[in-house]
C-alpha atoms as a PDB file:
ATOM      1  CA  MET A   1     -40.780  26.473 -19.648  1.00  0.00           C
ATOM      2  CA  ASP A   2     -37.361  27.686 -18.603  1.00  0.00           C
ATOM      3  CA  PHE A   3     -34.732  25.862 -16.615  1.00  0.00           C
ATOM      4  CA  ASN A   4     -32.939  27.009 -13.505  1.00  0.00           C
ATOM      5  CA  MET A   5     -30.977  25.467 -10.695  1.00  0.00           C
ATOM      6  CA  GLU A   6     -30.351  26.515  -7.130  1.00  0.00           C
ATOM      7  CA  LYS A   7     -27.069  25.246  -5.741  1.00  0.00           C
ATOM      8  CA  THR A   8     -25.555  25.296  -2.285  1.00  0.00           C
ATOM      9  CA  PHE A   9     -22.397  23.774  -0.870  1.00  0.00           C
ATOM     10  CA  ASP A  10     -22.780  22.626   2.731  1.00  0.00           C
ATOM     11  CA  GLY A  11     -19.087  21.986   3.373  1.00  0.00           C
ATOM     12  CA  SER A  12     -19.163  18.327   2.340  1.00  0.00           C
ATOM     13  CA  ARG A  13     -21.465  18.076  -0.675  1.00  0.00           C
ATOM     14  CA  TRP A  14     -23.322  20.064  -3.296  1.00  0.00           C
ATOM     15  CA  ARG A  15     -27.102  20.254  -3.064  1.00  0.00           C
ATOM     16  CA  VAL A  16     -28.749  21.279  -6.313  1.00  0.00           C
ATOM     17  CA  GLU A  17     -32.439  21.851  -6.931  1.00  0.00           C
ATOM     18  CA  LEU A  18     -33.443  21.514 -10.576  1.00  0.00           C
ATOM     19  CA  HIS A  19     -36.509  23.392 -11.842  1.00  0.00           C
ATOM     20  CA  GLY A  20     -38.264  23.431 -15.201  1.00  0.00           C
ATOM     21  CA  GLU A  21     -37.142  21.634 -18.331  1.00  0.00           C
ATOM     22  CA  ILE A  22     -33.709  20.480 -19.492  1.00  0.00           C
ATOM     23  CA  ASP A  23     -33.549  20.303 -23.268  1.00  0.00           C
ATOM     24  CA  ILE A  24     -31.408  21.098 -26.287  1.00  0.00           C
ATOM     25  CA  TYR A  25     -31.632  24.825 -25.534  1.00  0.00           C
ATOM     26  CA  ASN A  26     -30.145  24.715 -22.036  1.00  0.00           C
ATOM     27  CA  SER A  27     -28.457  21.332 -21.504  1.00  0.00           C
ATOM     28  CA  THR A  28     -25.018  22.842 -22.146  1.00  0.00           C
ATOM     29  CA  ASP A  29     -25.673  25.382 -19.384  1.00  0.00           C
ATOM     30  CA  LEU A  30     -26.448  22.559 -16.953  1.00  0.00           C
ATOM     31  CA  LYS A  31     -23.248  20.698 -17.796  1.00  0.00           C
ATOM     32  CA  THR A  32     -21.189  23.905 -17.569  1.00  0.00           C
ATOM     33  CA  GLN A  33     -22.636  24.875 -14.184  1.00  0.00           C
ATOM     34  CA  LEU A  34     -22.049  21.393 -12.753  1.00  0.00           C
ATOM     35  CA  SER A  35     -18.456  21.469 -14.041  1.00  0.00           C
ATOM     36  CA  GLU A  36     -17.848  24.902 -12.512  1.00  0.00           C
ATOM     37  CA  MET A  37     -19.200  23.639  -9.184  1.00  0.00           C
ATOM     38  CA  MET A  38     -16.697  20.779  -9.214  1.00  0.00           C
ATOM     39  CA  ASP A  39     -13.879  23.206 -10.006  1.00  0.00           C
ATOM     40  CA  GLU A  40     -14.922  25.269  -6.981  1.00  0.00           C
ATOM     41  CA  HIS A  41     -15.375  22.338  -4.547  1.00  0.00           C
ATOM     42  CA  SER A  42     -14.793  18.721  -5.550  1.00  0.00           C
ATOM     43  CA  ALA A  43     -17.572  16.904  -3.673  1.00  0.00           C
ATOM     44  CA  ASP A  44     -20.549  14.610  -4.160  1.00  0.00           C
ATOM     45  CA  VAL A  45     -23.463  16.214  -5.983  1.00  0.00           C
ATOM     46  CA  HIS A  46     -27.052  15.642  -4.863  1.00  0.00           C
ATOM     47  CA  LEU A  47     -29.612  16.677  -7.473  1.00  0.00           C
ATOM     48  CA  ASP A  48     -33.133  17.216  -6.153  1.00  0.00           C
ATOM     49  CA  CYS A  49     -35.417  16.712  -9.150  1.00  0.00           C
ATOM     50  CA  THR A  50     -38.672  17.693  -7.405  1.00  0.00           C
ATOM     51  CA  GLY A  51     -39.067  20.718  -9.686  1.00  0.00           C
ATOM     52  CA  LEU A  52     -37.786  19.026 -12.845  1.00  0.00           C
ATOM     53  CA  GLU A  53     -40.724  18.633 -15.229  1.00  0.00           C
ATOM     54  CA  TYR A  54     -39.031  17.365 -18.403  1.00  0.00           C
ATOM     55  CA  ILE A  55     -35.683  16.228 -19.764  1.00  0.00           C
ATOM     56  CA  ASP A  56     -34.802  15.256 -23.333  1.00  0.00           C
ATOM     57  CA  SER A  57     -31.921  13.217 -24.739  1.00  0.00           C
ATOM     58  CA  THR A  58     -29.541  16.188 -24.778  1.00  0.00           C
ATOM     59  CA  GLY A  59     -30.344  16.771 -21.107  1.00  0.00           C
ATOM     60  CA  LEU A  60     -29.611  13.130 -20.339  1.00  0.00           C
ATOM     61  CA  GLY A  61     -26.362  13.497 -22.279  1.00  0.00           C
ATOM     62  CA  ALA A  62     -25.430  16.558 -20.215  1.00  0.00           C
ATOM     63  CA  LEU A  63     -26.044  14.604 -17.013  1.00  0.00           C
ATOM     64  CA  VAL A  64     -23.908  11.706 -18.275  1.00  0.00           C
ATOM     65  CA  GLY A  65     -21.102  14.127 -19.207  1.00  0.00           C
ATOM     66  CA  ALA A  66     -21.323  15.782 -15.799  1.00  0.00           C
ATOM     67  CA  LEU A  67     -21.304  12.367 -14.107  1.00  0.00           C
ATOM     68  CA  LYS A  68     -18.093  11.420 -15.933  1.00  0.00           C
ATOM     69  CA  ASN A  69     -16.471  14.658 -14.753  1.00  0.00           C
ATOM     70  CA  ILE A  70     -17.671  14.139 -11.176  1.00  0.00           C
ATOM     71  CA  LYS A  71     -16.494  10.500 -11.107  1.00  0.00           C
ATOM     72  CA  SER A  72     -13.102  11.509 -12.532  1.00  0.00           C
ATOM     73  CA  LYS A  73     -12.654  13.552  -9.350  1.00  0.00           C
ATOM     74  CA  GLY A  74     -13.578  10.555  -7.169  1.00  0.00           C
ATOM     75  CA  GLN A  75     -17.056  11.853  -6.343  1.00  0.00           C
ATOM     76  CA  GLU A  76     -20.627  10.633  -6.916  1.00  0.00           C
ATOM     77  CA  MET A  77     -23.852  12.093  -8.309  1.00  0.00           C
ATOM     78  CA  HIS A  78     -27.151  11.307  -6.584  1.00  0.00           C
ATOM     79  CA  LEU A  79     -30.592  12.062  -8.024  1.00  0.00           C
ATOM     80  CA  SER A  80     -33.717  12.160  -5.880  1.00  0.00           C
ATOM     81  CA  ASN A  81     -37.429  12.946  -6.187  1.00  0.00           C
ATOM     82  CA  ILE A  82     -37.600  11.991  -9.862  1.00  0.00           C
ATOM     83  CA  LYS A  83     -41.050  12.232 -11.444  1.00  0.00           C
ATOM     84  CA  SER A  84     -42.376   9.042 -13.039  1.00  0.00           C
ATOM     85  CA  ASN A  85     -42.200  10.378 -16.625  1.00  0.00           C
ATOM     86  CA  ILE A  86     -38.498  11.190 -16.171  1.00  0.00           C
ATOM     87  CA  LEU A  87     -37.759   7.961 -14.313  1.00  0.00           C
ATOM     88  CA  LYS A  88     -39.201   6.088 -17.298  1.00  0.00           C
ATOM     89  CA  LEU A  89     -36.518   7.670 -19.533  1.00  0.00           C
ATOM     90  CA  PHE A  90     -33.779   6.632 -17.119  1.00  0.00           C
ATOM     91  CA  LYS A  91     -35.073   3.058 -17.173  1.00  0.00           C
ATOM     92  CA  ILE A  92     -35.533   2.899 -20.973  1.00  0.00           C
ATOM     93  CA  THR A  93     -31.948   4.086 -21.463  1.00  0.00           C
ATOM     94  CA  SER A  94     -30.622   1.922 -18.576  1.00  0.00           C
ATOM     95  CA  LEU A  95     -29.276   5.075 -16.926  1.00  0.00           C
ATOM     96  CA  ASP A  96     -31.033   3.951 -13.744  1.00  0.00           C
ATOM     97  CA  LYS A  97     -28.097   1.541 -13.430  1.00  0.00           C
ATOM     98  CA  VAL A  98     -25.497   4.292 -13.972  1.00  0.00           C
ATOM     99  CA  PHE A  99     -26.768   7.009 -11.641  1.00  0.00           C
ATOM    100  CA  ILE A 100     -27.467   6.713  -7.931  1.00  0.00           C
ATOM    101  CA  LEU A 101     -31.239   7.181  -7.775  1.00  0.00           C
ATOM    102  CA  GLU A 102     -32.593   7.763  -4.300  1.00  0.00           C
ATOM    103  CA  GLY A 103     -36.154   7.176  -3.171  1.00  0.00           C
ATOM    104  CA  VAL A 104     -37.003   5.203  -6.310  1.00  0.00           C
ATOM    105  CA  ASP A 105     -38.729   1.848  -6.458  1.00  0.00           C
ATOM    106  CA  ASN A 106     -36.837   0.061  -9.242  1.00  0.00           C
ATOM    107  CA  ASN A 107     -39.772  -2.320  -9.680  1.00  0.00           C
ATOM    108  CA  GLU A 108     -42.093   0.433 -10.962  1.00  0.00           C
END
């Protein structure tokens, strides 16, 4: 399955819908696109993960790299609508404590 993202800037924050799979083949593209967005408008980034089906360790690494870039500009990254299989990875790696996860029951 391929990966794509739909991004919009509403004047105060980026809204990004993630679709498909983020893996070794496209994780660099994700990080590059998020970096280019911040160069265009430095603002909080809200990732809607409703359409995200899978992410591997390189995808997680790309998100961490993007988060560092976003935080260096004084902004935040929010993730929402994370599927349970992906949330499990965030919890195993303790990234649930690094990212702002919205709409997630941390007791799952």
